[in-house]
N, C-alpha and C. Protein backbone atom coordinates (compact mmCIF):
# COMPACT_ATOMS: atom_id res chain seq x y z
N UNK A 1 8.17 13.58 -0.21
CA UNK A 1 7.93 14.36 -1.37
C UNK A 1 7.22 14.43 -2.40
N UNK A 2 6.35 15.09 -2.80
CA UNK A 2 5.39 14.67 -4.13
C UNK A 2 5.93 15.48 -4.91
N UNK A 3 5.81 14.83 -6.17
CA UNK A 3 6.70 14.97 -7.42
C UNK A 3 5.22 15.48 -8.55
N UNK A 4 5.48 15.95 -9.84
CA UNK A 4 4.93 16.07 -10.68
C UNK A 4 3.99 14.96 -11.11
N UNK A 5 4.78 14.31 -10.96
CA UNK A 5 4.04 12.92 -11.68
C UNK A 5 3.28 12.25 -10.61
N UNK A 6 3.22 12.52 -9.33
CA UNK A 6 2.64 12.04 -8.14
C UNK A 6 1.35 12.77 -8.36
N UNK A 7 1.21 13.95 -8.41
CA UNK A 7 -0.14 14.82 -8.62
C UNK A 7 -0.40 14.71 -9.96
N UNK A 8 0.13 14.48 -11.06
CA UNK A 8 -0.41 13.91 -12.29
C UNK A 8 -1.56 12.75 -12.20
N UNK A 9 -0.36 11.79 -10.96
CA UNK A 9 -1.87 10.07 -10.79
C UNK A 9 -2.98 11.14 -10.36
N UNK A 10 -2.93 11.52 -9.67
CA UNK A 10 -3.85 11.96 -8.72
C UNK A 10 -4.71 12.78 -9.84
N UNK A 11 -4.68 13.31 -10.54
CA UNK A 11 -5.49 14.09 -11.29
C UNK A 11 -6.11 12.93 -12.34
N UNK A 12 -5.22 12.45 -12.81
CA UNK A 12 -5.92 11.01 -13.65
C UNK A 12 -6.95 10.38 -13.18
N UNK A 13 -6.50 10.00 -11.83
CA UNK A 13 -8.18 9.39 -10.54
C UNK A 13 -9.26 10.33 -10.56
N UNK A 14 -8.93 11.52 -10.71
CA UNK A 14 -9.98 12.39 -10.56
C UNK A 14 -10.64 12.59 -12.01
N UNK A 15 -10.22 12.49 -12.87
CA UNK A 15 -10.70 12.30 -14.53
C UNK A 15 -11.68 11.54 -14.59
N UNK A 16 -10.66 10.39 -14.06
CA UNK A 16 -11.60 8.80 -14.15
C UNK A 16 -12.87 8.90 -13.37
N UNK A 17 -12.90 9.17 -12.30
CA UNK A 17 -14.05 9.47 -11.47
C UNK A 17 -15.28 10.69 -12.20
N UNK A 18 -14.82 11.34 -13.07
CA UNK A 18 -15.93 12.80 -13.33
C UNK A 18 -16.40 11.70 -14.92
N UNK A 19 -15.89 10.78 -15.36
CA UNK A 19 -16.43 10.26 -16.56
C UNK A 19 -16.94 9.01 -15.89
N UNK A 20 -17.26 8.34 -14.90
CA UNK A 20 -17.77 7.53 -13.70
C UNK A 20 -18.98 7.96 -14.05
N UNK A 21 -18.76 9.37 -13.03
CA UNK A 21 -20.23 9.96 -12.69
C UNK A 21 -20.99 10.44 -13.95
N UNK A 22 -20.33 10.45 -14.94
CA UNK A 22 -21.08 10.99 -16.39
C UNK A 22 -22.24 9.76 -16.80
N UNK A 23 -21.40 8.94 -16.88
CA UNK A 23 -22.01 7.09 -17.41
C UNK A 23 -22.93 7.15 -16.04
N UNK A 24 -23.02 7.24 -14.61
CA UNK A 24 -24.02 7.38 -13.96
C UNK A 24 -25.64 7.83 -14.28
N UNK A 25 -24.89 9.26 -14.36
CA UNK A 25 -25.84 10.56 -14.71
C UNK A 25 -26.89 9.90 -15.80
N UNK A 26 -26.10 9.85 -16.99
CA UNK A 26 -26.97 9.10 -18.16
C UNK A 26 -27.72 7.89 -18.04
N UNK A 27 -27.41 6.86 -17.35
CA UNK A 27 -28.65 5.77 -16.83
C UNK A 27 -29.56 6.48 -15.93
N UNK A 28 -28.64 7.27 -15.08
CA UNK A 28 -30.16 7.72 -14.28
C UNK A 28 -31.00 8.86 -14.69
N UNK A 29 -30.80 9.20 -15.64
CA UNK A 29 -31.93 10.21 -16.59
C UNK A 29 -32.13 9.69 -17.42
N UNK A 30 -32.00 8.29 -17.84
CA UNK A 30 -32.59 6.98 -18.44
C UNK A 30 -32.30 7.51 -20.28
N UNK A 31 -31.20 8.69 -20.39
CA UNK A 31 -30.68 8.65 -21.64
C UNK A 31 -29.84 7.76 -22.38
N UNK A 32 -29.59 6.64 -21.45
CA UNK A 32 -28.45 5.14 -21.83
C UNK A 32 -29.27 4.45 -21.35
N UNK A 33 -29.02 2.90 -21.54
CA UNK A 33 -30.00 1.47 -20.85
C UNK A 33 -29.11 0.41 -21.62
N UNK A 34 -28.99 -0.80 -20.34
CA UNK A 34 -28.59 -1.67 -21.04
C UNK A 34 -30.04 -2.69 -22.00
N UNK A 35 -31.12 -2.26 -21.82
CA UNK A 35 -32.32 -2.82 -22.15
C UNK A 35 -33.17 -3.18 -20.83
N UNK A 36 -32.39 -3.59 -19.43
CA UNK A 36 -32.68 -4.17 -18.84
C UNK A 36 -32.61 -3.66 -17.55
N UNK A 37 -33.68 -3.69 -16.68
CA UNK A 37 -33.49 -2.34 -15.18
C UNK A 37 -32.34 -3.08 -14.39
N UNK A 38 -32.44 -4.51 -14.08
CA UNK A 38 -31.34 -5.23 -13.42
C UNK A 38 -30.15 -4.54 -13.81
N UNK A 39 -30.20 -5.56 -15.17
CA UNK A 39 -28.35 -4.64 -15.46
C UNK A 39 -28.08 -3.28 -15.93
N UNK A 40 -29.03 -2.16 -15.97
CA UNK A 40 -28.70 -0.69 -15.78
C UNK A 40 -28.17 -0.61 -14.15
N UNK A 41 -29.23 -1.13 -13.23
CA UNK A 41 -28.35 -0.94 -11.57
C UNK A 41 -26.98 -1.74 -11.64
N UNK A 42 -27.23 -2.85 -11.85
CA UNK A 42 -25.64 -3.60 -12.07
C UNK A 42 -24.25 -2.19 -12.67
N UNK A 43 -25.16 -1.84 -13.83
CA UNK A 43 -23.79 -0.98 -14.39
C UNK A 43 -23.33 0.46 -13.29
N UNK A 44 -24.63 0.74 -13.09
CA UNK A 44 -24.35 1.71 -11.97
C UNK A 44 -23.86 1.46 -10.49
N UNK A 45 -23.84 0.21 -10.05
CA UNK A 45 -23.30 -0.18 -8.91
C UNK A 45 -21.43 -0.53 -9.15
N UNK A 46 -21.44 -1.14 -10.79
CA UNK A 46 -20.08 -1.12 -10.65
C UNK A 46 -19.28 0.19 -10.99
N UNK A 47 -19.81 1.25 -11.65
CA UNK A 47 -19.50 2.61 -11.67
C UNK A 47 -18.88 3.36 -10.31
N UNK A 48 -20.57 3.50 -9.45
CA UNK A 48 -19.86 3.71 -7.87
C UNK A 48 -19.16 3.24 -7.21
N UNK A 49 -18.99 1.59 -7.39
CA UNK A 49 -17.63 1.04 -6.68
C UNK A 49 -16.23 1.37 -7.26
N UNK A 50 -16.55 1.44 -8.52
CA UNK A 50 -14.78 2.30 -9.20
C UNK A 50 -14.86 3.29 -8.34
N UNK A 51 -15.81 4.26 -8.22
CA UNK A 51 -15.33 5.30 -7.65
C UNK A 51 -15.21 5.64 -6.28
N UNK A 52 -15.93 4.55 -5.51
CA UNK A 52 -15.40 4.77 -4.53
C UNK A 52 -13.66 4.15 -4.29
N UNK A 53 -13.25 3.20 -4.45
CA UNK A 53 -11.75 2.60 -4.72
C UNK A 53 -11.38 3.92 -5.29
N UNK A 54 -11.69 4.42 -6.18
CA UNK A 54 -10.62 5.49 -6.27
C UNK A 54 -10.31 6.61 -5.41
N UNK A 55 -11.55 6.86 -4.90
CA UNK A 55 -11.36 7.89 -3.60
C UNK A 55 -10.28 7.55 -2.45
N UNK A 56 -10.35 6.24 -2.33
CA UNK A 56 -9.67 5.77 -1.37
C UNK A 56 -7.94 5.48 -2.27
N UNK A 57 -7.85 5.27 -3.20
CA UNK A 57 -6.68 4.38 -3.91
C UNK A 57 -5.80 6.01 -4.12
N UNK A 58 -6.56 6.90 -4.85
CA UNK A 58 -5.92 8.19 -4.57
C UNK A 58 -4.92 8.39 -4.29
N UNK A 59 -5.69 8.36 -2.73
CA UNK A 59 -4.59 8.85 -1.43
C UNK A 59 -3.61 8.20 -1.71
N UNK A 60 -3.12 7.32 -2.07
CA UNK A 60 -1.59 7.06 -2.53
C UNK A 60 -0.77 7.62 -3.41
N UNK A 61 -1.24 8.60 -4.26
CA UNK A 61 -0.31 9.25 -4.82
C UNK A 61 0.17 10.58 -3.87
N UNK A 62 -0.30 11.34 -3.08
CA UNK A 62 0.22 12.46 -2.58
C UNK A 62 1.17 11.58 -1.24
N UNK A 63 0.77 10.26 -0.70
CA UNK A 63 1.82 9.79 -0.01
C UNK A 63 2.35 8.27 -0.38
N UNK A 64 2.85 8.66 -1.35
CA UNK A 64 3.23 7.43 -1.82
C UNK A 64 4.38 6.65 -1.68
N UNK A 65 5.44 7.85 -0.79
CA UNK A 65 6.63 7.87 -0.15
C UNK A 65 6.50 7.07 0.91
N UNK A 66 5.40 7.30 1.79
CA UNK A 66 4.94 7.02 3.20
C UNK A 66 4.53 5.54 3.39
N UNK A 67 3.40 5.22 2.10
CA UNK A 67 3.18 4.22 2.26
C UNK A 67 4.11 3.28 1.25
N UNK A 68 5.43 3.04 0.53
CA UNK A 68 6.26 2.38 0.33
C UNK A 68 7.12 2.17 1.35
N UNK A 69 7.26 3.09 2.85
CA UNK A 69 8.10 2.21 3.37
C UNK A 69 7.33 1.11 4.54
N UNK A 70 6.04 0.65 4.06
CA UNK A 70 5.48 -0.09 4.49
C UNK A 70 5.33 -1.40 3.72
N UNK A 71 4.77 -0.81 2.28
CA UNK A 71 4.60 -1.69 0.94
C UNK A 71 5.75 -1.38 0.09
N UNK A 72 6.52 -2.02 -0.29
CA UNK A 72 7.10 -1.87 -1.38
C UNK A 72 7.17 -2.03 -2.86
N UNK A 73 5.84 -2.62 -2.92
CA UNK A 73 5.36 -2.73 -4.24
C UNK A 73 4.01 -1.95 -4.22
N UNK A 74 4.07 -0.60 -4.21
CA UNK A 74 2.45 0.00 -4.56
C UNK A 74 2.02 -0.48 -5.55
N UNK A 75 2.78 -0.31 -7.09
CA UNK A 75 1.80 -0.82 -8.43
C UNK A 75 0.84 -2.06 -8.27
N UNK A 76 1.01 -2.63 -7.03
CA UNK A 76 0.18 -3.82 -7.40
C UNK A 76 -0.59 -3.68 -6.26
N UNK A 77 -0.67 -2.70 -5.54
CA UNK A 77 -1.79 -2.41 -4.65
C UNK A 77 -3.29 -2.49 -5.23
N UNK A 78 -4.52 -3.04 -5.29
CA UNK A 78 -5.66 -2.86 -5.60
C UNK A 78 -7.02 -2.79 -4.74
N UNK A 79 -6.28 -3.37 -3.41
CA UNK A 79 -7.43 -3.88 -2.45
C UNK A 79 -7.73 -2.21 -1.56
N UNK A 80 -9.04 -1.29 -1.85
CA UNK A 80 -9.30 -0.21 -1.43
C UNK A 80 -9.13 -0.37 0.04
N UNK A 81 -10.06 -1.52 0.41
CA UNK A 81 -10.26 -1.30 2.25
C UNK A 81 -8.70 -1.74 2.77
N UNK A 82 -8.27 -2.52 1.90
CA UNK A 82 -6.31 -2.71 2.74
C UNK A 82 -5.86 -1.31 2.89
N UNK A 83 -5.67 -0.29 1.51
CA UNK A 83 -5.03 0.53 1.60
C UNK A 83 -5.87 1.24 2.50
N UNK A 84 -7.38 1.56 2.83
CA UNK A 84 -7.43 2.73 4.19
C UNK A 84 -6.91 2.10 5.29
N UNK A 85 -6.73 0.75 5.63
CA UNK A 85 -6.53 0.53 6.59
C UNK A 85 -5.06 1.13 7.05
N UNK A 86 -4.54 0.47 6.09
CA UNK A 86 -2.92 1.06 6.10
C UNK A 86 -2.77 2.72 6.44
N UNK A 87 -3.33 3.01 5.32
CA UNK A 87 -3.20 4.67 5.57
C UNK A 87 -3.93 5.36 6.77
N UNK A 88 -4.68 4.70 7.08
CA UNK A 88 -5.43 5.01 8.87
C UNK A 88 -4.01 4.81 9.50
N UNK A 89 -3.24 3.55 9.39
CA UNK A 89 -1.90 3.72 10.42
C UNK A 89 -1.21 5.00 10.03
N UNK A 90 -0.86 5.08 8.91
CA UNK A 90 0.39 5.72 8.85
C UNK A 90 -0.48 7.44 8.82
N UNK A 91 -1.76 7.92 8.68
CA UNK A 91 -2.35 9.29 8.14
C UNK A 91 -3.45 9.34 8.49
N UNK A 92 -3.75 9.23 9.56
CA UNK A 92 -5.49 8.97 9.55
C UNK A 92 -6.37 9.98 9.01
N UNK A 93 -5.78 11.34 8.55
CA UNK A 93 -6.62 12.61 8.00
C UNK A 93 -6.09 12.37 6.54
N UNK A 94 -5.78 11.23 5.82
CA UNK A 94 -5.56 10.99 4.70
C UNK A 94 -7.13 11.10 3.17
N UNK A 95 -7.52 11.14 3.73
CA UNK A 95 -9.06 10.95 3.28
C UNK A 95 -9.22 12.80 2.92
N UNK A 96 -10.10 12.85 1.56
CA UNK A 96 -10.31 14.30 1.31
C UNK A 96 -11.51 14.98 2.40
N UNK A 97 -11.08 16.53 2.24
CA UNK A 97 -12.20 17.19 3.32
C UNK A 97 -12.75 18.02 2.34
N UNK A 98 -13.86 18.22 2.13
CA UNK A 98 -14.49 19.42 1.37
C UNK A 98 -14.41 20.32 1.70
N UNK A 99 -14.56 21.87 0.75
CA UNK A 99 -14.49 23.09 1.62
C UNK A 99 -15.12 23.67 0.16
N UNK A 100 -15.90 24.96 0.69
CA UNK A 100 -16.19 25.89 -0.02
C UNK A 100 -15.47 27.11 -0.09
N UNK A 101 -14.90 27.83 -1.66
CA UNK A 101 -13.80 29.10 -1.39
C UNK A 101 -14.30 30.32 -1.64
N UNK A 102 -14.04 30.84 -0.67
CA UNK A 102 -15.37 32.55 -1.02
C UNK A 102 -13.82 33.50 -0.54
N UNK A 103 -14.18 34.67 -1.54
CA UNK A 103 -13.71 35.46 -1.28
C UNK A 103 -14.26 37.19 -0.87
N UNK A 104 -14.03 37.68 0.04
CA UNK A 104 -14.80 39.39 0.67
C UNK A 104 -14.68 40.11 -0.51
N UNK A 105 -15.58 40.31 -1.21
CA UNK A 105 -15.55 41.64 -2.50
C UNK A 105 -14.93 42.91 -1.97
N UNK A 106 -14.86 43.00 -0.41
CA UNK A 106 -14.57 44.46 0.22
C UNK A 106 -12.93 44.48 0.37
N UNK A 107 -12.63 43.08 0.89
CA UNK A 107 -11.44 42.84 1.24
C UNK A 107 -10.66 42.19 0.72
N UNK A 108 -10.63 41.77 -0.34
CA UNK A 108 -10.22 40.82 -1.21
C UNK A 108 -9.58 39.37 -0.36
N UNK A 109 -10.17 39.33 0.56
CA UNK A 109 -9.98 38.19 1.54
C UNK A 109 -10.23 36.95 1.12
N UNK A 110 -9.40 35.97 1.34
CA UNK A 110 -10.06 34.35 0.91
C UNK A 110 -9.86 33.60 1.94
N UNK A 111 -10.59 32.82 1.96
CA UNK A 111 -10.81 31.66 3.12
C UNK A 111 -11.50 30.74 2.67
N UNK A 112 -11.11 29.60 3.07
CA UNK A 112 -12.27 28.13 2.84
C UNK A 112 -13.03 27.74 3.92
N UNK A 113 -13.68 27.55 3.57
CA UNK A 113 -15.04 26.99 4.69
C UNK A 113 -15.60 25.61 4.39
N UNK A 114 -14.96 25.21 5.48
CA UNK A 114 -15.35 23.46 6.27
C UNK A 114 -16.71 23.32 5.31
N UNK A 115 -16.93 22.12 4.70
CA UNK A 115 -18.57 21.69 4.20
C UNK A 115 -18.17 20.70 5.70
N UNK A 116 -19.62 20.92 6.27
CA UNK A 116 -20.22 20.20 7.62
C UNK A 116 -20.96 18.98 7.30
N UNK A 117 -21.73 18.85 6.11
CA UNK A 117 -22.56 17.76 6.15
C UNK A 117 -22.69 17.26 4.45
N UNK A 118 -23.18 16.45 4.06
CA UNK A 118 -23.60 16.11 2.96
C UNK A 118 -22.77 15.88 1.74
N UNK A 119 -21.91 15.47 2.44
CA UNK A 119 -20.70 14.97 1.64
C UNK A 119 -20.42 13.30 1.79
N UNK A 120 -19.97 12.57 1.46
CA UNK A 120 -19.43 10.81 1.52
C UNK A 120 -18.61 11.23 2.56
N UNK A 121 -19.07 10.21 3.72
CA UNK A 121 -17.73 10.24 4.75
C UNK A 121 -16.99 9.10 4.32
N UNK A 122 -15.56 8.90 5.23
CA UNK A 122 -14.81 7.60 5.08
C UNK A 122 -15.25 6.65 5.26
N UNK A 123 -15.98 6.32 6.45
CA UNK A 123 -16.80 4.92 6.54
C UNK A 123 -18.10 5.00 5.30
N UNK A 124 -19.27 5.90 4.92
CA UNK A 124 -20.01 6.13 4.30
C UNK A 124 -19.33 4.88 2.32
N UNK A 125 -17.70 5.87 2.14
CA UNK A 125 -17.32 5.41 0.90
C UNK A 125 -16.89 3.98 1.05
N UNK A 126 -16.57 3.37 2.32
CA UNK A 126 -16.41 2.03 2.60
C UNK A 126 -17.26 1.03 2.33
N UNK A 127 -18.48 1.50 2.84
CA UNK A 127 -19.78 1.25 2.95
C UNK A 127 -19.98 0.82 1.51
N UNK A 128 -20.55 1.86 0.66
CA UNK A 128 -20.46 1.67 -0.55
C UNK A 128 -19.88 1.22 -1.84
N UNK A 129 -18.69 0.74 -1.07
CA UNK A 129 -17.79 -0.21 -2.26
C UNK A 129 -18.38 -1.47 -1.41
N UNK A 130 -18.06 -1.80 -0.68
CA UNK A 130 -19.21 -3.00 -0.38
C UNK A 130 -20.72 -3.96 -0.82
N UNK A 131 -21.62 -2.68 -0.53
CA UNK A 131 -23.20 -2.76 -0.97
C UNK A 131 -23.16 -3.09 -2.66
N UNK A 132 -22.24 -2.17 -3.09
CA UNK A 132 -22.13 -2.29 -4.52
C UNK A 132 -21.39 -3.52 -4.90
N UNK A 133 -20.71 -4.11 -4.28
CA UNK A 133 -19.98 -5.29 -4.69
C UNK A 133 -20.69 -6.42 -4.15
N UNK A 134 -21.60 -6.01 -3.55
CA UNK A 134 -22.70 -7.43 -3.25
C UNK A 134 -23.72 -7.57 -4.36
N UNK A 135 -24.20 -6.06 -4.92
CA UNK A 135 -24.74 -6.60 -6.06
C UNK A 135 -24.84 -6.91 -7.01
N UNK A 136 -23.26 -7.03 -7.29
CA UNK A 136 -22.31 -7.50 -8.38
C UNK A 136 -21.88 -8.83 -8.43
N UNK A 137 -21.90 -9.38 -7.27
CA UNK A 137 -22.02 -10.86 -7.18
C UNK A 137 -22.80 -11.62 -7.59
N UNK A 138 -22.96 -13.01 -7.84
CA UNK A 138 -23.67 -13.81 -7.92
C UNK A 138 -24.52 -13.91 -6.51
N UNK A 139 -25.89 -14.65 -6.62
CA UNK A 139 -26.20 -15.08 -5.46
C UNK A 139 -27.08 -16.03 -5.37
N UNK A 140 -27.08 -16.78 -3.84
CA UNK A 140 -27.90 -17.78 -3.68
C UNK A 140 -29.57 -17.65 -4.21
N UNK A 141 -29.99 -18.56 -5.11
CA UNK A 141 -31.27 -18.49 -5.88
C UNK A 141 -32.31 -18.67 -4.62
N UNK A 142 -31.40 -19.32 -3.14
CA UNK A 142 -33.01 -19.57 -1.89
C UNK A 142 -32.77 -18.29 -1.20
N UNK A 143 -31.96 -17.25 -1.75
CA UNK A 143 -31.65 -16.28 -0.56
C UNK A 143 -32.25 -14.71 -1.27
N UNK A 144 -32.90 -15.07 -3.19
CA UNK A 144 -33.28 -13.86 -3.54
C UNK A 144 -34.50 -13.36 -3.13
N UNK A 145 -34.96 -13.29 -1.98
CA UNK A 145 -35.99 -11.97 -1.43
C UNK A 145 -35.27 -11.35 -0.79
N UNK A 146 -34.14 -11.68 -0.09
CA UNK A 146 -33.47 -10.49 0.59
C UNK A 146 -32.12 -9.87 -0.34
N UNK A 147 -31.61 -10.71 -1.35
CA UNK A 147 -31.05 -10.32 -1.82
C UNK A 147 -31.95 -8.61 -3.02
N UNK A 148 -33.13 -9.08 -3.19
CA UNK A 148 -34.15 -8.16 -4.26
C UNK A 148 -34.40 -6.80 -3.14
N UNK A 149 -34.90 -7.37 -1.98
CA UNK A 149 -34.78 -6.10 -0.93
C UNK A 149 -33.39 -5.08 -0.77
N UNK A 150 -32.19 -5.87 -0.65
CA UNK A 150 -31.03 -5.07 -0.83
C UNK A 150 -30.60 -4.23 -2.42
N UNK A 151 -31.14 -4.89 -3.35
CA UNK A 151 -30.96 -4.03 -4.92
C UNK A 151 -31.72 -2.97 -4.80
N UNK A 152 -33.60 -3.25 -4.42
CA UNK A 152 -34.13 -2.16 -4.16
C UNK A 152 -33.99 -1.09 -3.10
N UNK A 153 -33.11 -1.24 -1.94
CA UNK A 153 -32.57 -0.32 -1.38
C UNK A 153 -31.48 0.32 -1.61
N UNK A 154 -30.12 -0.38 -2.41
CA UNK A 154 -29.31 0.27 -3.37
C UNK A 154 -29.81 1.22 -4.48
N UNK A 155 -31.16 1.14 -5.01
CA UNK A 155 -31.48 1.70 -5.77
C UNK A 155 -31.78 2.67 -5.92
N UNK A 156 -32.39 3.07 -4.31
CA UNK A 156 -32.98 4.36 -3.95
C UNK A 156 -31.96 4.96 -3.37
N UNK A 157 -31.05 4.53 -3.11
CA UNK A 157 -29.66 5.13 -2.67
C UNK A 157 -29.11 5.55 -3.40
N UNK A 158 -28.86 5.13 -4.81
CA UNK A 158 -28.02 5.75 -5.67
C UNK A 158 -28.28 7.36 -5.94
N UNK A 159 -29.18 8.35 -6.06
CA UNK A 159 -28.61 9.38 -6.14
C UNK A 159 -28.50 10.19 -5.22
N UNK A 160 -28.59 9.61 -3.63
CA UNK A 160 -27.72 10.10 -2.83
C UNK A 160 -26.53 10.12 -2.84
N UNK A 161 -25.83 8.56 -3.28
CA UNK A 161 -24.48 8.65 -3.17
C UNK A 161 -23.78 9.61 -4.14
N UNK A 162 -24.37 9.97 -5.50
CA UNK A 162 -24.01 10.84 -6.24
C UNK A 162 -24.01 12.04 -5.80
N UNK A 163 -24.76 12.67 -5.16
CA UNK A 163 -24.69 13.69 -4.45
C UNK A 163 -23.33 14.08 -3.59
N UNK A 164 -23.70 12.89 -2.43
CA UNK A 164 -22.44 13.08 -1.95
C UNK A 164 -20.88 12.92 -2.20
N UNK A 165 -21.10 12.13 -3.25
CA UNK A 165 -19.34 12.19 -4.09
C UNK A 165 -19.36 13.43 -4.78
N UNK A 166 -20.12 14.02 -5.53
CA UNK A 166 -20.17 15.07 -6.19
C UNK A 166 -19.64 16.40 -4.51
N UNK A 167 -20.29 16.47 -3.69
CA UNK A 167 -20.06 17.57 -2.50
C UNK A 167 -18.67 16.99 -2.15
N UNK A 168 -18.36 15.82 -1.86
CA UNK A 168 -17.01 15.38 -1.18
C UNK A 168 -15.83 16.20 -2.23
N UNK A 169 -16.03 15.58 -3.50
CA UNK A 169 -14.72 16.02 -4.23
C UNK A 169 -15.09 17.46 -5.30
N UNK A 170 -15.89 18.28 -5.19
CA UNK A 170 -16.04 19.55 -6.23
C UNK A 170 -15.09 20.16 -5.54
N UNK A 171 -14.49 20.29 -4.56
CA UNK A 171 -13.42 21.54 -3.96
C UNK A 171 -13.12 20.58 -2.99
N UNK A 172 -11.74 20.06 -2.60
CA UNK A 172 -11.45 19.13 -1.40
C UNK A 172 -10.17 19.95 -1.15
N UNK A 173 -9.52 19.61 0.25
CA UNK A 173 -8.08 19.24 0.46
C UNK A 173 -7.76 18.14 0.95
N UNK A 174 -6.50 17.57 -0.05
CA UNK A 174 -5.77 16.48 1.18
C UNK A 174 -4.67 16.77 1.75
N UNK A 175 -4.71 16.69 3.25
CA UNK A 175 -4.01 17.05 4.21
C UNK A 175 -2.86 16.15 4.30
N UNK A 176 -1.17 16.60 4.12
CA UNK A 176 -0.08 16.08 3.97
C UNK A 176 0.07 15.70 4.64
N UNK A 177 1.30 14.36 5.01
CA UNK A 177 1.64 14.31 5.99
C UNK A 177 2.98 15.06 6.48
N UNK A 178 3.15 14.80 8.09
CA UNK A 178 4.54 15.58 8.12
C UNK A 178 4.88 17.27 7.46
N UNK A 179 3.77 17.93 7.18
CA UNK A 179 4.02 19.22 6.78
C UNK A 179 2.69 19.73 6.89
N UNK A 180 2.81 21.37 6.92
CA UNK A 180 1.48 21.92 6.92
C UNK A 180 1.03 22.32 5.69
N UNK A 181 1.85 21.82 4.66
CA UNK A 181 1.13 22.08 3.30
C UNK A 181 0.03 20.81 3.30
N UNK A 182 -1.45 21.58 1.99
CA UNK A 182 -2.27 20.71 1.69
C UNK A 182 -1.90 20.81 0.09
N UNK A 183 -2.88 19.86 -0.47
CA UNK A 183 -3.22 19.84 -1.78
C UNK A 183 -4.90 20.53 -1.83
N UNK A 184 -5.05 21.27 -2.60
CA UNK A 184 -6.43 22.18 -2.92
C UNK A 184 -7.00 21.52 -4.07
N UNK A 185 -7.76 20.96 -4.33
CA UNK A 185 -8.20 20.36 -5.51
C UNK A 185 -9.42 20.72 -5.95
N UNK A 186 -9.33 21.23 -6.92
CA UNK A 186 -10.61 21.58 -7.69
C UNK A 186 -10.98 20.82 -9.26
N UNK A 187 -12.48 20.30 -9.06
CA UNK A 187 -12.99 19.14 -10.26
C UNK A 187 -13.51 19.93 -11.34
N UNK A 188 -13.75 21.20 -11.58
CA UNK A 188 -14.47 21.80 -12.79
C UNK A 188 -13.51 23.44 -12.95
N UNK A 189 -12.34 23.56 -12.95
CA UNK A 189 -11.62 24.70 -13.02
C UNK A 189 -11.62 25.54 -14.18
N UNK A 190 -11.61 26.44 -14.53
CA UNK A 190 -11.76 27.44 -15.65
C UNK A 190 -12.35 27.07 -16.64
N UNK A 191 -12.65 27.70 -17.77
CA UNK A 191 -13.52 27.42 -19.14
C UNK A 191 -13.79 25.98 -19.51
N UNK A 192 -12.33 25.22 -19.77
CA UNK A 192 -12.65 23.80 -20.04
C UNK A 192 -13.11 22.77 -18.61
N UNK A 193 -13.64 22.96 -17.21
CA UNK A 193 -13.79 22.42 -16.57
C UNK A 193 -13.15 21.04 -16.04
N UNK A 194 -11.32 21.80 -15.80
CA UNK A 194 -10.32 21.03 -15.95
C UNK A 194 -10.25 20.75 -14.77
N UNK A 195 -9.62 19.17 -13.90
CA UNK A 195 -9.22 19.28 -12.57
C UNK A 195 -7.90 20.09 -12.31
N UNK A 196 -7.99 20.71 -11.44
CA UNK A 196 -6.89 21.64 -10.81
C UNK A 196 -6.69 20.93 -9.56
N UNK A 197 -5.10 21.07 -9.40
CA UNK A 197 -4.41 20.68 -8.12
C UNK A 197 -3.18 21.62 -8.14
N UNK A 198 -3.33 22.37 -6.79
CA UNK A 198 -2.93 22.95 -5.85
C UNK A 198 -1.69 22.60 -4.70
N UNK A 199 -0.55 23.01 -4.23
CA UNK A 199 -0.30 22.55 -3.43
C UNK A 199 0.34 24.00 -2.71
N UNK A 200 -0.70 24.03 -1.28
CA UNK A 200 -0.49 25.53 -0.86
C UNK A 200 -0.45 25.59 0.57
N UNK A 201 -0.31 26.23 1.15
CA UNK A 201 -0.53 26.52 3.02
C UNK A 201 -1.55 26.77 2.90
N UNK A 202 -1.98 25.94 4.22
CA UNK A 202 -3.76 26.56 4.92
C UNK A 202 -3.57 28.02 4.94
N UNK A 203 -4.66 28.76 4.83
CA UNK A 203 -5.14 29.81 5.20
C UNK A 203 -6.14 30.16 5.87
N UNK A 204 -7.00 31.01 6.21
CA UNK A 204 -7.85 31.09 7.31
C UNK A 204 -9.25 30.14 7.12
N UNK A 205 -9.14 29.26 7.85
CA UNK A 205 -10.67 28.22 7.49
C UNK A 205 -11.32 28.93 8.40
N UNK A 206 -12.40 28.96 8.02
CA UNK A 206 -14.16 28.78 8.61
C UNK A 206 -14.80 27.69 8.61
N UNK A 207 -15.13 27.12 10.11
CA UNK A 207 -16.02 25.94 10.11
C UNK A 207 -17.30 26.68 9.68
């Protein structure tokens, strides 16, 4: 059973993602800089890697009890890929599912429409974590041509990653194991654009 404590932990993860996304946005726009193009890229890769890890690790929050049946010391878990593999075993549908919510102005009927494309998939999230990690590590100077080509490739991919992450998380569902209930998560709800999480039963879904 999820507790308010678990939900607040999930909200905290989403808030951190929003803060890191703002840093990325500032560096992409050129309003902030380390003073060197290479270190600007490295700083953005660090933020993207942390965001990717948070997307995976935050799935522990609504599935804490299930995860602890296998790993008793959840507080010490930090490896996102390890968490992904374990959660895939426990609950393959743990990854966020993006949606658009619409209301029929005539009938008042509300429905969630699944987003079919343009968001960061689970496999892309793991790839992002790995590629950003590769940029942040030191490299063999005799292999620098290959490394610099990868840096340029990653640099050109950063705007696409940001767009896909925003599309994934803007409004998303978390399917809960062992129940029909879901978490509905809105990243910018109300006048203060706060993260809102609701535990709701599924309603009419349009694909």
